[in-house]
Amino acid sequence: MADKVAKVGVKKKSGYLYFVDKQGDVSCAKMARGKGAKAGRTEKVAKVGVKKKSGYLYFIDKQGDVSCAKMVRGGAKKRSAKKKGKKRR
């Protein structure tokens, strides 16, 4: 479950990606769509100054506020190098 970290109330525009940057502020960038399209420069939307903790994912929720959720580090275990090779008879 996600926890609300800061109330910002950012109004999202279509075609833009909103994220929490390294400084803990809300930034946006134009999304690259289609063949040969390039993403635009990032632009700061709101100064928040959130202190990020390791192991947590920070994002902008539906209300335009900064939220965080604990990252799940799971998945299949990697096979050892011995088992990767084909069996020889």
N, C-alpha and C. Protein backbone atom coordinates (compact mmCIF):
# COMPACT_ATOMS: atom_id res chain seq x y z
N MET A 1 0.84 -1.17 0.00
CA MET A 1 0.00 0.00 0.00
C MET A 1 0.89 1.24 0.00
N ALA A 2 0.46 2.27 -0.67
CA ALA A 2 1.24 3.50 -0.78
C ALA A 2 0.89 4.46 0.34
N ASP A 3 1.89 5.20 0.77
CA ASP A 3 1.72 6.24 1.79
C ASP A 3 1.92 7.60 1.16
N LYS A 4 1.06 8.57 1.53
CA LYS A 4 1.20 9.92 1.02
C LYS A 4 2.32 10.62 1.77
N VAL A 5 3.27 11.18 1.03
CA VAL A 5 4.43 11.82 1.64
C VAL A 5 4.24 13.34 1.71
N ALA A 6 3.75 13.94 0.62
CA ALA A 6 3.55 15.39 0.58
C ALA A 6 2.34 15.73 -0.28
N LYS A 7 1.55 16.70 0.18
CA LYS A 7 0.40 17.15 -0.59
C LYS A 7 0.86 18.30 -1.48
N VAL A 8 0.75 18.06 -2.80
CA VAL A 8 1.21 19.06 -3.77
C VAL A 8 0.05 19.52 -4.64
N GLY A 9 -0.78 18.60 -5.11
CA GLY A 9 -1.93 18.95 -5.95
C GLY A 9 -1.55 19.37 -7.35
N VAL A 10 -0.61 18.66 -7.97
CA VAL A 10 -0.17 18.98 -9.33
C VAL A 10 -1.26 18.61 -10.33
N LYS A 11 -1.56 19.50 -11.25
CA LYS A 11 -2.52 19.22 -12.33
C LYS A 11 -1.73 18.62 -13.48
N LYS A 12 -2.05 17.37 -13.86
CA LYS A 12 -1.31 16.68 -14.92
C LYS A 12 -1.87 17.01 -16.29
N LYS A 13 -0.95 17.24 -17.26
CA LYS A 13 -1.33 17.46 -18.65
C LYS A 13 -1.12 16.17 -19.43
N SER A 14 -1.96 15.93 -20.41
CA SER A 14 -1.84 14.76 -21.25
C SER A 14 -0.56 14.83 -22.08
N GLY A 15 0.12 13.68 -22.24
CA GLY A 15 1.34 13.62 -23.05
C GLY A 15 2.60 13.92 -22.28
N TYR A 16 2.51 14.11 -20.97
CA TYR A 16 3.68 14.40 -20.14
C TYR A 16 3.84 13.33 -19.07
N LEU A 17 5.08 13.05 -18.71
CA LEU A 17 5.42 12.09 -17.67
C LEU A 17 5.83 12.88 -16.43
N TYR A 18 5.16 12.63 -15.32
CA TYR A 18 5.46 13.32 -14.06
C TYR A 18 6.20 12.37 -13.12
N PHE A 19 7.25 12.88 -12.46
CA PHE A 19 8.07 12.04 -11.58
C PHE A 19 8.70 12.88 -10.49
N VAL A 20 9.25 12.19 -9.48
CA VAL A 20 9.98 12.84 -8.39
C VAL A 20 11.46 12.76 -8.75
N ASP A 21 12.11 13.91 -8.92
CA ASP A 21 13.51 13.93 -9.36
C ASP A 21 14.47 13.69 -8.19
N LYS A 22 15.78 13.75 -8.49
CA LYS A 22 16.80 13.45 -7.48
C LYS A 22 16.79 14.41 -6.30
N GLN A 23 16.34 15.64 -6.51
CA GLN A 23 16.27 16.61 -5.43
C GLN A 23 15.00 16.47 -4.59
N GLY A 24 14.09 15.58 -5.00
CA GLY A 24 12.86 15.37 -4.26
C GLY A 24 11.75 16.31 -4.69
N ASP A 25 11.92 16.96 -5.85
CA ASP A 25 10.91 17.87 -6.38
C ASP A 25 10.12 17.17 -7.49
N VAL A 26 8.95 17.73 -7.83
CA VAL A 26 8.13 17.16 -8.90
C VAL A 26 8.57 17.77 -10.23
N SER A 27 8.88 16.91 -11.19
CA SER A 27 9.30 17.35 -12.53
C SER A 27 8.45 16.66 -13.57
N CYS A 28 8.49 17.19 -14.80
CA CYS A 28 7.77 16.55 -15.90
C CYS A 28 8.62 16.62 -17.16
N ALA A 29 8.33 15.69 -18.08
CA ALA A 29 9.01 15.64 -19.38
C ALA A 29 8.01 15.18 -20.41
N LYS A 30 8.16 15.66 -21.63
CA LYS A 30 7.26 15.25 -22.71
C LYS A 30 7.58 13.81 -23.08
N MET A 31 6.52 12.99 -23.23
CA MET A 31 6.71 11.58 -23.56
C MET A 31 7.05 11.43 -25.03
N ALA A 32 8.00 10.54 -25.33
CA ALA A 32 8.38 10.25 -26.71
C ALA A 32 7.42 9.19 -27.25
N ARG A 33 6.75 9.49 -28.34
CA ARG A 33 5.79 8.56 -28.95
C ARG A 33 6.10 8.45 -30.45
N GLY A 34 6.02 7.23 -30.97
CA GLY A 34 6.18 7.03 -32.40
C GLY A 34 7.63 6.91 -32.84
N LYS A 35 7.80 6.65 -34.11
CA LYS A 35 9.12 6.41 -34.69
C LYS A 35 9.90 7.73 -34.77
N GLY A 36 11.10 7.71 -34.22
CA GLY A 36 11.99 8.88 -34.31
C GLY A 36 11.63 10.02 -33.37
N ALA A 37 10.65 9.84 -32.53
CA ALA A 37 10.27 10.91 -31.60
C ALA A 37 11.27 10.99 -30.47
N LYS A 38 11.55 12.19 -30.03
CA LYS A 38 12.49 12.39 -28.92
C LYS A 38 11.77 13.03 -27.75
N ALA A 39 12.16 12.61 -26.57
CA ALA A 39 11.57 13.18 -25.36
C ALA A 39 12.09 14.60 -25.16
N GLY A 40 11.29 15.43 -24.56
CA GLY A 40 11.68 16.81 -24.32
C GLY A 40 12.51 16.97 -23.06
N ARG A 41 12.91 18.19 -22.81
CA ARG A 41 13.68 18.49 -21.60
C ARG A 41 12.78 18.36 -20.38
N THR A 42 13.42 18.11 -19.25
CA THR A 42 12.65 18.04 -18.01
C THR A 42 12.42 19.45 -17.49
N GLU A 43 11.31 19.63 -16.83
CA GLU A 43 10.94 20.94 -16.30
C GLU A 43 10.39 20.75 -14.90
N LYS A 44 10.86 21.55 -13.94
CA LYS A 44 10.39 21.46 -12.57
C LYS A 44 8.99 22.04 -12.47
N VAL A 45 8.09 21.27 -11.86
CA VAL A 45 6.70 21.70 -11.73
C VAL A 45 6.45 22.28 -10.34
N ALA A 46 6.99 21.61 -9.30
CA ALA A 46 6.79 22.06 -7.92
C ALA A 46 8.00 21.72 -7.08
N LYS A 47 8.40 22.65 -6.21
CA LYS A 47 9.50 22.39 -5.28
C LYS A 47 8.92 21.80 -4.02
N VAL A 48 9.33 20.54 -3.73
CA VAL A 48 8.80 19.84 -2.56
C VAL A 48 9.93 19.53 -1.59
N GLY A 49 11.05 19.03 -2.09
CA GLY A 49 12.20 18.70 -1.26
C GLY A 49 11.99 17.46 -0.41
N VAL A 50 11.40 16.41 -0.99
CA VAL A 50 11.16 15.16 -0.28
C VAL A 50 12.49 14.45 -0.05
N LYS A 51 12.72 13.99 1.16
CA LYS A 51 13.92 13.19 1.47
C LYS A 51 13.59 11.74 1.15
N LYS A 52 14.29 11.18 0.17
CA LYS A 52 14.00 9.81 -0.27
C LYS A 52 14.74 8.79 0.59
N LYS A 53 14.04 7.68 0.90
CA LYS A 53 14.64 6.57 1.64
C LYS A 53 14.94 5.45 0.66
N SER A 54 16.01 4.73 0.91
CA SER A 54 16.39 3.62 0.07
C SER A 54 15.37 2.49 0.19
N GLY A 55 15.06 1.83 -0.94
CA GLY A 55 14.12 0.72 -0.92
C GLY A 55 12.67 1.13 -1.12
N TYR A 56 12.42 2.41 -1.39
CA TYR A 56 11.07 2.91 -1.61
C TYR A 56 10.95 3.53 -2.99
N LEU A 57 9.78 3.40 -3.61
CA LEU A 57 9.49 3.98 -4.91
C LEU A 57 8.63 5.21 -4.69
N TYR A 58 9.05 6.36 -5.21
CA TYR A 58 8.33 7.62 -5.07
C TYR A 58 7.66 7.96 -6.38
N PHE A 59 6.39 8.38 -6.33
CA PHE A 59 5.63 8.65 -7.55
C PHE A 59 4.57 9.71 -7.27
N ILE A 60 3.96 10.22 -8.37
CA ILE A 60 2.87 11.19 -8.27
C ILE A 60 1.57 10.41 -8.40
N ASP A 61 0.71 10.48 -7.39
CA ASP A 61 -0.54 9.71 -7.41
C ASP A 61 -1.63 10.43 -8.20
N LYS A 62 -2.84 9.86 -8.22
CA LYS A 62 -3.95 10.40 -9.01
C LYS A 62 -4.37 11.80 -8.57
N GLN A 63 -4.18 12.11 -7.30
CA GLN A 63 -4.55 13.43 -6.80
C GLN A 63 -3.47 14.48 -7.06
N GLY A 64 -2.32 14.06 -7.59
CA GLY A 64 -1.22 14.99 -7.88
C GLY A 64 -0.30 15.19 -6.69
N ASP A 65 -0.36 14.30 -5.71
CA ASP A 65 0.49 14.38 -4.53
C ASP A 65 1.63 13.37 -4.63
N VAL A 66 2.68 13.58 -3.84
CA VAL A 66 3.82 12.66 -3.83
C VAL A 66 3.51 11.53 -2.85
N SER A 67 3.63 10.28 -3.35
CA SER A 67 3.41 9.10 -2.53
C SER A 67 4.60 8.16 -2.66
N CYS A 68 4.70 7.21 -1.74
CA CYS A 68 5.78 6.23 -1.81
C CYS A 68 5.24 4.86 -1.44
N ALA A 69 5.91 3.83 -1.98
CA ALA A 69 5.56 2.44 -1.69
C ALA A 69 6.85 1.65 -1.57
N LYS A 70 6.85 0.67 -0.68
CA LYS A 70 8.02 -0.18 -0.51
C LYS A 70 8.21 -1.03 -1.75
N MET A 71 9.44 -1.08 -2.27
CA MET A 71 9.73 -1.88 -3.46
C MET A 71 9.80 -3.36 -3.11
N VAL A 72 9.23 -4.17 -3.97
CA VAL A 72 9.27 -5.62 -3.79
C VAL A 72 10.41 -6.15 -4.64
N ARG A 73 11.36 -6.77 -3.98
CA ARG A 73 12.51 -7.32 -4.70
C ARG A 73 12.39 -8.83 -4.71
N GLY A 74 11.60 -9.35 -5.63
CA GLY A 74 11.38 -10.78 -5.69
C GLY A 74 11.77 -11.33 -7.04
N GLY A 75 11.02 -12.29 -7.51
CA GLY A 75 11.26 -12.88 -8.81
C GLY A 75 11.96 -14.22 -8.69
N ALA A 76 12.23 -14.82 -9.83
CA ALA A 76 12.88 -16.12 -9.88
C ALA A 76 14.35 -15.98 -9.53
N LYS A 77 14.87 -16.94 -8.82
CA LYS A 77 16.29 -16.95 -8.47
C LYS A 77 17.09 -17.30 -9.71
N LYS A 78 18.26 -16.69 -9.84
CA LYS A 78 19.12 -16.98 -10.99
C LYS A 78 19.76 -18.35 -10.83
N ARG A 79 19.84 -19.06 -11.95
CA ARG A 79 20.47 -20.38 -11.92
C ARG A 79 21.98 -20.22 -11.93
N SER A 80 22.66 -21.17 -11.31
CA SER A 80 24.12 -21.11 -11.27
C SER A 80 24.70 -21.42 -12.65
N ALA A 81 25.96 -21.08 -12.86
CA ALA A 81 26.63 -21.27 -14.14
C ALA A 81 26.71 -22.75 -14.51
N LYS A 82 26.84 -23.63 -13.52
CA LYS A 82 26.93 -25.07 -13.78
C LYS A 82 25.64 -25.58 -14.41
N LYS A 83 24.52 -25.16 -13.91
CA LYS A 83 23.24 -25.67 -14.36
C LYS A 83 22.81 -25.05 -15.69
N LYS A 84 23.39 -23.92 -16.08
CA LYS A 84 23.01 -23.26 -17.32
C LYS A 84 23.42 -24.05 -18.56
N GLY A 85 24.58 -24.71 -18.48
CA GLY A 85 25.08 -25.47 -19.62
C GLY A 85 24.23 -26.69 -19.90
N LYS A 86 24.32 -27.19 -21.15
CA LYS A 86 23.56 -28.38 -21.52
C LYS A 86 24.16 -29.61 -20.85
N LYS A 87 23.31 -30.58 -20.58
CA LYS A 87 23.77 -31.83 -19.98
C LYS A 87 24.51 -32.64 -21.04
N ARG A 88 25.65 -33.14 -20.70
CA ARG A 88 26.43 -33.97 -21.63
C ARG A 88 26.29 -35.42 -21.23
N ARG A 89 26.21 -36.27 -22.19
CA ARG A 89 26.06 -37.70 -21.92
C ARG A 89 27.28 -38.44 -22.37
